[in-house]
Amino acid sequence: MESFDRFQLGGLALICLKNETKSDAERDLRDLISAAGADMKEKARRERLLRHLESADKGTPLELVKYSL
């Protein structure tokens, strides 16, 4: 979680691998959105990732990485 911004392509997949449920991953992303602070560009990127995760039926980590490409 500390270095989420360093993993532009795989960050969402790593969060999903870290958590056991989709709702846990969504909670982590909400925490990361809050942690973005005044960086509006990064905040918007994280919000897009959250919207994608919420709409994904069965977001396997590989599919989530492909979304980031």
Protein backbone atom coordinates (compact mmCIF):
# COMPACT_ATOMS: atom_id res chain seq x y z
CA MET A 1 0.00 0.00 0.00
CA GLU A 2 2.87 2.36 0.75
CA SER A 3 4.25 2.24 -2.79
CA PHE A 4 1.03 1.90 -4.78
CA ASP A 5 1.92 4.84 -7.02
CA ARG A 6 5.17 3.12 -8.05
CA PHE A 7 3.24 0.30 -9.73
CA GLN A 8 1.27 2.12 -12.42
CA LEU A 9 0.45 -1.01 -14.40
CA GLY A 10 0.10 -3.64 -11.71
CA GLY A 11 -1.14 -1.70 -8.71
CA LEU A 12 -4.77 -2.76 -9.05
CA ALA A 13 -3.81 -6.40 -9.58
CA LEU A 14 -1.51 -6.30 -6.55
CA ILE A 15 -4.31 -4.91 -4.39
CA CYS A 16 -6.61 -7.71 -5.54
CA LEU A 17 -3.95 -10.32 -4.82
CA LYS A 18 -3.38 -8.80 -1.37
CA ASN A 19 -7.06 -9.06 -0.42
CA GLU A 20 -9.33 -12.06 -0.11
CA THR A 21 -12.49 -10.34 -1.31
CA LYS A 22 -13.45 -7.74 -3.85
CA SER A 23 -14.95 -5.55 -1.11
CA ASP A 24 -11.62 -5.60 0.76
CA ALA A 25 -9.83 -4.46 -2.41
CA GLU A 26 -12.40 -1.70 -2.91
CA ARG A 27 -11.86 -0.53 0.67
CA ASP A 28 -8.09 -0.40 0.09
CA LEU A 29 -8.60 1.66 -3.05
CA ARG A 30 -10.86 4.08 -1.17
CA ASP A 31 -8.11 4.46 1.42
CA LEU A 32 -5.60 5.12 -1.36
CA ILE A 33 -7.91 7.72 -2.90
CA SER A 34 -8.04 9.53 0.42
CA ALA A 35 -4.26 9.27 0.76
CA ALA A 36 -3.74 10.96 -2.63
CA GLY A 37 -4.38 14.29 -0.92
CA ALA A 38 -4.03 17.30 -3.18
CA ASP A 39 -2.63 15.36 -6.15
CA MET A 40 -5.77 15.55 -8.29
CA LYS A 41 -4.29 13.62 -11.21
CA GLU A 42 -3.36 10.66 -9.01
CA LYS A 43 -6.66 10.87 -7.16
CA ALA A 44 -8.56 10.71 -10.47
CA ARG A 45 -6.47 7.72 -11.60
CA ARG A 46 -7.26 5.84 -8.42
CA GLU A 47 -10.95 6.69 -8.72
CA ARG A 48 -10.96 5.26 -12.27
CA LEU A 49 -9.37 2.07 -10.95
CA LEU A 50 -12.04 1.83 -8.25
CA ARG A 51 -14.86 2.31 -10.78
CA HIS A 52 -13.33 -0.37 -12.98
CA LEU A 53 -13.00 -2.79 -10.07
CA GLU A 54 -16.59 -2.13 -8.98
CA SER A 55 -17.88 -2.90 -12.48
CA ALA A 56 -15.68 -5.97 -13.09
CA ASP A 57 -17.56 -9.25 -12.81
CA LYS A 58 -14.63 -11.49 -12.03
CA GLY A 59 -11.59 -9.28 -12.16
CA THR A 60 -8.69 -11.66 -12.28
CA PRO A 61 -5.37 -9.96 -11.61
CA LEU A 62 -4.24 -10.44 -15.23
CA GLU A 63 -7.41 -8.80 -16.59
CA LEU A 64 -6.95 -5.92 -14.18
CA VAL A 65 -3.37 -5.37 -15.38
CA LYS A 66 -4.61 -5.31 -18.98
CA TYR A 67 -7.07 -2.55 -18.00
CA SER A 68 -4.17 -0.41 -16.83
CA LEU A 69 -2.34 -0.70 -20.16
